[in-house]
């Protein structure tokens, strides 16, 4: 049982920074902060957090570009397809119904996950004999994902 406790200690301290990161970036996605509100440009930080969460890439996603509109009155091609009509922008899609109580629950869950992760690190820190090793493991838990992200 002592081995299980030690394994739990080191794994939880090592992965704590990633757990907090994914909770925060999930909160960004949940609230749509990476998409901007009311046509406003979203924060670059929010977009990058969402990009790492979804695609494991720090690079900004490519901008969505509409194809150029053909001149009005263009004739159908030899297959009978009116290319001008085919390139018309699609009507805006209706956003799926989102449950406000469920969203609030997930926000609370995210905050609780961050809080319990912080409490777990605080409990680990209470082992006075191993503070340097715990600090080194926590640092490694921050550095390893950053290095892997930049590769």
C-alpha atoms as a PDB file:
ATOM      1  CA  UNK A   1       0.000   0.000   0.000  1.00  0.00           C
ATOM      2  CA  UNK A   2       2.907   2.321   0.651  1.00  0.00           C
ATOM      3  CA  UNK A   3       4.018   1.929  -2.980  1.00  0.00           C
ATOM      4  CA  UNK A   4       0.544   2.884  -4.192  1.00  0.00           C
ATOM      5  CA  UNK A   5       0.566   6.036  -2.057  1.00  0.00           C
ATOM      6  CA  UNK A   6       4.004   7.034  -3.350  1.00  0.00           C
ATOM      7  CA  UNK A   7       2.951   6.419  -6.940  1.00  0.00           C
ATOM      8  CA  UNK A   8      -0.185   8.502  -6.374  1.00  0.00           C
ATOM      9  CA  UNK A   9       1.894  11.315  -4.874  1.00  0.00           C
ATOM     10  CA  UNK A  10       4.372  11.540  -7.752  1.00  0.00           C
ATOM     11  CA  UNK A  11       1.864  11.094 -10.563  1.00  0.00           C
ATOM     12  CA  UNK A  12      -0.520  13.671  -9.117  1.00  0.00           C
ATOM     13  CA  UNK A  13       2.221  16.260  -8.556  1.00  0.00           C
ATOM     14  CA  UNK A  14       3.655  15.692 -12.043  1.00  0.00           C
ATOM     15  CA  UNK A  15       0.286  15.968 -13.831  1.00  0.00           C
ATOM     16  CA  UNK A  16      -1.197  18.760 -11.671  1.00  0.00           C
ATOM     17  CA  UNK A  17      -0.077  21.600 -13.989  1.00  0.00           C
ATOM     18  CA  UNK A  18      -1.582  19.855 -17.023  1.00  0.00           C
ATOM     19  CA  UNK A  19      -4.832  19.208 -15.174  1.00  0.00           C
ATOM     20  CA  UNK A  20      -5.125  22.891 -14.286  1.00  0.00           C
ATOM     21  CA  UNK A  21      -4.232  23.900 -17.849  1.00  0.00           C
ATOM     22  CA  UNK A  22      -6.864  21.633 -19.393  1.00  0.00           C
ATOM     23  CA  UNK A  23      -9.471  22.801 -16.909  1.00  0.00           C
ATOM     24  CA  UNK A  24      -8.772  26.453 -17.788  1.00  0.00           C
ATOM     25  CA  UNK A  25      -8.627  25.879 -21.538  1.00  0.00           C
ATOM     26  CA  UNK A  26     -11.820  23.823 -21.328  1.00  0.00           C
ATOM     27  CA  UNK A  27     -13.442  26.769 -19.550  1.00  0.00           C
ATOM     28  CA  UNK A  28     -12.373  28.994 -22.461  1.00  0.00           C
ATOM     29  CA  UNK A  29     -14.001  26.583 -24.924  1.00  0.00           C
ATOM     30  CA  UNK A  30     -17.113  26.117 -22.809  1.00  0.00           C
ATOM     31  CA  UNK A  31     -17.768  29.847 -22.679  1.00  0.00           C
ATOM     32  CA  UNK A  32     -16.799  30.483 -26.303  1.00  0.00           C
ATOM     33  CA  UNK A  33     -14.151  33.050 -25.353  1.00  0.00           C
ATOM     34  CA  UNK A  34     -12.000  31.760 -28.216  1.00  0.00           C
ATOM     35  CA  UNK A  35     -14.681  32.721 -30.763  1.00  0.00           C
ATOM     36  CA  UNK A  36     -15.306  36.321 -29.733  1.00  0.00           C
ATOM     37  CA  UNK A  37     -18.631  37.765 -28.715  1.00  0.00           C
ATOM     38  CA  UNK A  38     -20.914  39.781 -30.974  1.00  0.00           C
ATOM     39  CA  UNK A  39     -18.459  39.737 -33.861  1.00  0.00           C
ATOM     40  CA  UNK A  40     -15.646  41.108 -31.684  1.00  0.00           C
ATOM     41  CA  UNK A  41     -12.165  39.736 -32.240  1.00  0.00           C
ATOM     42  CA  UNK A  42     -11.337  37.115 -29.588  1.00  0.00           C
ATOM     43  CA  UNK A  43      -8.303  37.390 -27.369  1.00  0.00           C
ATOM     44  CA  UNK A  44      -5.167  35.807 -28.828  1.00  0.00           C
ATOM     45  CA  UNK A  45      -4.535  34.122 -25.477  1.00  0.00           C
ATOM     46  CA  UNK A  46      -8.002  32.531 -25.517  1.00  0.00           C
ATOM     47  CA  UNK A  47      -7.565  31.365 -29.117  1.00  0.00           C
ATOM     48  CA  UNK A  48      -4.164  29.829 -28.360  1.00  0.00           C
ATOM     49  CA  UNK A  49      -5.438  28.109 -25.198  1.00  0.00           C
ATOM     50  CA  UNK A  50      -8.310  26.605 -27.182  1.00  0.00           C
ATOM     51  CA  UNK A  51      -5.959  25.593 -29.986  1.00  0.00           C
ATOM     52  CA  UNK A  52      -3.658  23.715 -27.610  1.00  0.00           C
ATOM     53  CA  UNK A  53      -6.662  22.078 -25.929  1.00  0.00           C
ATOM     54  CA  UNK A  54      -8.245  20.955 -29.213  1.00  0.00           C
ATOM     55  CA  UNK A  55      -5.292  20.414 -31.554  1.00  0.00           C
ATOM     56  CA  UNK A  56      -2.197  20.134 -29.337  1.00  0.00           C
ATOM     57  CA  UNK A  57      -0.672  22.963 -31.379  1.00  0.00           C
ATOM     58  CA  UNK A  58       0.363  26.452 -30.319  1.00  0.00           C
ATOM     59  CA  UNK A  59      -0.028  27.867 -33.839  1.00  0.00           C
ATOM     60  CA  UNK A  60      -3.057  30.034 -34.463  1.00  0.00           C
ATOM     61  CA  UNK A  61      -5.720  28.308 -36.558  1.00  0.00           C
ATOM     62  CA  UNK A  62      -5.958  29.468 -40.170  1.00  0.00           C
ATOM     63  CA  UNK A  63      -8.402  32.279 -40.783  1.00  0.00           C
ATOM     64  CA  UNK A  64     -11.606  31.246 -42.474  1.00  0.00           C
ATOM     65  CA  UNK A  65     -11.677  32.831 -45.907  1.00  0.00           C
ATOM     66  CA  UNK A  66     -14.705  32.875 -48.163  1.00  0.00           C
ATOM     67  CA  UNK A  67     -14.111  32.062 -51.812  1.00  0.00           C
ATOM     68  CA  UNK A  68     -14.498  35.094 -54.089  1.00  0.00           C
ATOM     69  CA  UNK A  69     -17.987  35.701 -55.451  1.00  0.00           C
ATOM     70  CA  UNK A  70     -18.401  35.186 -59.210  1.00  0.00           C
ATOM     71  CA  UNK A  71     -19.672  38.128 -61.237  1.00  0.00           C
ATOM     72  CA  UNK A  72     -23.464  38.447 -61.295  1.00  0.00           C
ATOM     73  CA  UNK A  73     -25.309  36.914 -64.233  1.00  0.00           C
ATOM     74  CA  UNK A  74     -22.815  34.145 -64.879  1.00  0.00           C
ATOM     75  CA  UNK A  75     -24.193  31.369 -67.059  1.00  0.00           C
ATOM     76  CA  UNK A  76     -24.353  27.712 -65.971  1.00  0.00           C
ATOM     77  CA  UNK A  77     -21.399  25.603 -67.082  1.00  0.00           C
ATOM     78  CA  UNK A  78     -21.607  22.766 -69.585  1.00  0.00           C
ATOM     79  CA  UNK A  79     -22.911  20.391 -66.904  1.00  0.00           C
ATOM     80  CA  UNK A  80     -25.899  22.621 -66.210  1.00  0.00           C
ATOM     81  CA  UNK A  81     -24.630  23.654 -62.792  1.00  0.00           C
ATOM     82  CA  UNK A  82     -25.029  27.306 -61.925  1.00  0.00           C
ATOM     83  CA  UNK A  83     -21.665  27.914 -60.271  1.00  0.00           C
ATOM     84  CA  UNK A  84     -22.660  31.396 -59.147  1.00  0.00           C
ATOM     85  CA  UNK A  85     -25.614  29.992 -57.193  1.00  0.00           C
ATOM     86  CA  UNK A  86     -23.494  27.158 -55.810  1.00  0.00           C
ATOM     87  CA  UNK A  87     -20.998  29.662 -54.343  1.00  0.00           C
ATOM     88  CA  UNK A  88     -23.585  31.730 -52.520  1.00  0.00           C
ATOM     89  CA  UNK A  89     -22.880  31.756 -48.810  1.00  0.00           C
ATOM     90  CA  UNK A  90     -24.907  29.257 -46.874  1.00  0.00           C
ATOM     91  CA  UNK A  91     -27.515  30.661 -44.520  1.00  0.00           C
ATOM     92  CA  UNK A  92     -26.218  30.995 -40.976  1.00  0.00           C
ATOM     93  CA  UNK A  93     -26.510  27.785 -38.993  1.00  0.00           C
ATOM     94  CA  UNK A  94     -28.599  27.876 -35.897  1.00  0.00           C
ATOM     95  CA  UNK A  95     -26.544  27.345 -32.769  1.00  0.00           C
ATOM     96  CA  UNK A  96     -27.425  24.156 -30.981  1.00  0.00           C
ATOM     97  CA  UNK A  97     -29.527  24.556 -27.863  1.00  0.00           C
ATOM     98  CA  UNK A  98     -27.318  24.843 -24.813  1.00  0.00           C
ATOM     99  CA  UNK A  99     -28.573  24.155 -21.360  1.00  0.00           C
ATOM    100  CA  UNK A 100     -27.671  27.041 -19.051  1.00  0.00           C
ATOM    101  CA  UNK A 101     -27.924  24.877 -15.896  1.00  0.00           C
ATOM    102  CA  UNK A 102     -25.633  22.251 -17.439  1.00  0.00           C
ATOM    103  CA  UNK A 103     -23.149  24.934 -18.478  1.00  0.00           C
ATOM    104  CA  UNK A 104     -23.200  26.349 -14.934  1.00  0.00           C
ATOM    105  CA  UNK A 105     -22.608  22.841 -13.575  1.00  0.00           C
ATOM    106  CA  UNK A 106     -19.579  22.391 -15.851  1.00  0.00           C
ATOM    107  CA  UNK A 107     -18.181  25.781 -14.819  1.00  0.00           C
ATOM    108  CA  UNK A 108     -18.515  24.754 -11.153  1.00  0.00           C
ATOM    109  CA  UNK A 109     -16.946  21.389 -11.953  1.00  0.00           C
ATOM    110  CA  UNK A 110     -13.997  23.148 -13.623  1.00  0.00           C
ATOM    111  CA  UNK A 111     -13.482  25.412 -10.621  1.00  0.00           C
ATOM    112  CA  UNK A 112     -13.720  22.416  -8.266  1.00  0.00           C
ATOM    113  CA  UNK A 113     -11.176  20.497 -10.356  1.00  0.00           C
ATOM    114  CA  UNK A 114      -8.736  23.405 -10.171  1.00  0.00           C
ATOM    115  CA  UNK A 115      -9.335  23.801  -6.426  1.00  0.00           C
ATOM    116  CA  UNK A 116      -8.915  20.101  -5.632  1.00  0.00           C
ATOM    117  CA  UNK A 117      -5.784  19.927  -7.754  1.00  0.00           C
ATOM    118  CA  UNK A 118      -4.365  22.871  -5.809  1.00  0.00           C
ATOM    119  CA  UNK A 119      -5.330  21.207  -2.542  1.00  0.00           C
ATOM    120  CA  UNK A 120      -3.622  18.000  -3.664  1.00  0.00           C
ATOM    121  CA  UNK A 121      -0.411  19.879  -4.390  1.00  0.00           C
ATOM    122  CA  UNK A 122      -0.697  21.571  -0.980  1.00  0.00           C
ATOM    123  CA  UNK A 123      -1.066  18.182   0.704  1.00  0.00           C
ATOM    124  CA  UNK A 124       1.944  16.882  -1.216  1.00  0.00           C
ATOM    125  CA  UNK A 125       3.894  19.967  -0.115  1.00  0.00           C
ATOM    126  CA  UNK A 126       3.196  19.037   3.508  1.00  0.00           C
ATOM    127  CA  UNK A 127       5.738  16.200   3.218  1.00  0.00           C
ATOM    128  CA  UNK A 128       8.620  18.267   4.569  1.00  0.00           C
ATOM    129  CA  UNK A 129      11.331  15.688   3.893  1.00  0.00           C
ATOM    130  CA  UNK A 130      10.667  15.620   0.158  1.00  0.00           C
ATOM    131  CA  UNK A 131       9.892  19.247  -0.678  1.00  0.00           C
ATOM    132  CA  UNK A 132      12.782  19.624  -3.098  1.00  0.00           C
ATOM    133  CA  UNK A 133      11.803  16.478  -4.956  1.00  0.00           C
ATOM    134  CA  UNK A 134       8.148  17.549  -5.002  1.00  0.00           C
ATOM    135  CA  UNK A 135       9.114  20.973  -6.334  1.00  0.00           C
ATOM    136  CA  UNK A 136      11.311  19.351  -8.994  1.00  0.00           C
ATOM    137  CA  UNK A 137       8.475  17.015 -10.010  1.00  0.00           C
ATOM    138  CA  UNK A 138       6.034  19.920 -10.181  1.00  0.00           C
ATOM    139  CA  UNK A 139       8.524  21.857 -12.310  1.00  0.00           C
ATOM    140  CA  UNK A 140       8.971  18.869 -14.595  1.00  0.00           C
ATOM    141  CA  UNK A 141       5.188  18.650 -14.891  1.00  0.00           C
ATOM    142  CA  UNK A 142       5.238  22.226 -16.208  1.00  0.00           C
ATOM    143  CA  UNK A 143       8.292  21.911 -18.456  1.00  0.00           C
ATOM    144  CA  UNK A 144       7.674  18.550 -20.146  1.00  0.00           C
ATOM    145  CA  UNK A 145       4.366  19.587 -21.799  1.00  0.00           C
ATOM    146  CA  UNK A 146       5.873  22.939 -22.860  1.00  0.00           C
ATOM    147  CA  UNK A 147       8.843  21.239 -24.487  1.00  0.00           C
ATOM    148  CA  UNK A 148       6.575  18.712 -26.214  1.00  0.00           C
ATOM    149  CA  UNK A 149       4.334  21.550 -27.439  1.00  0.00           C
ATOM    150  CA  UNK A 150       7.277  23.395 -28.976  1.00  0.00           C
ATOM    151  CA  UNK A 151       8.718  20.320 -30.742  1.00  0.00           C
END
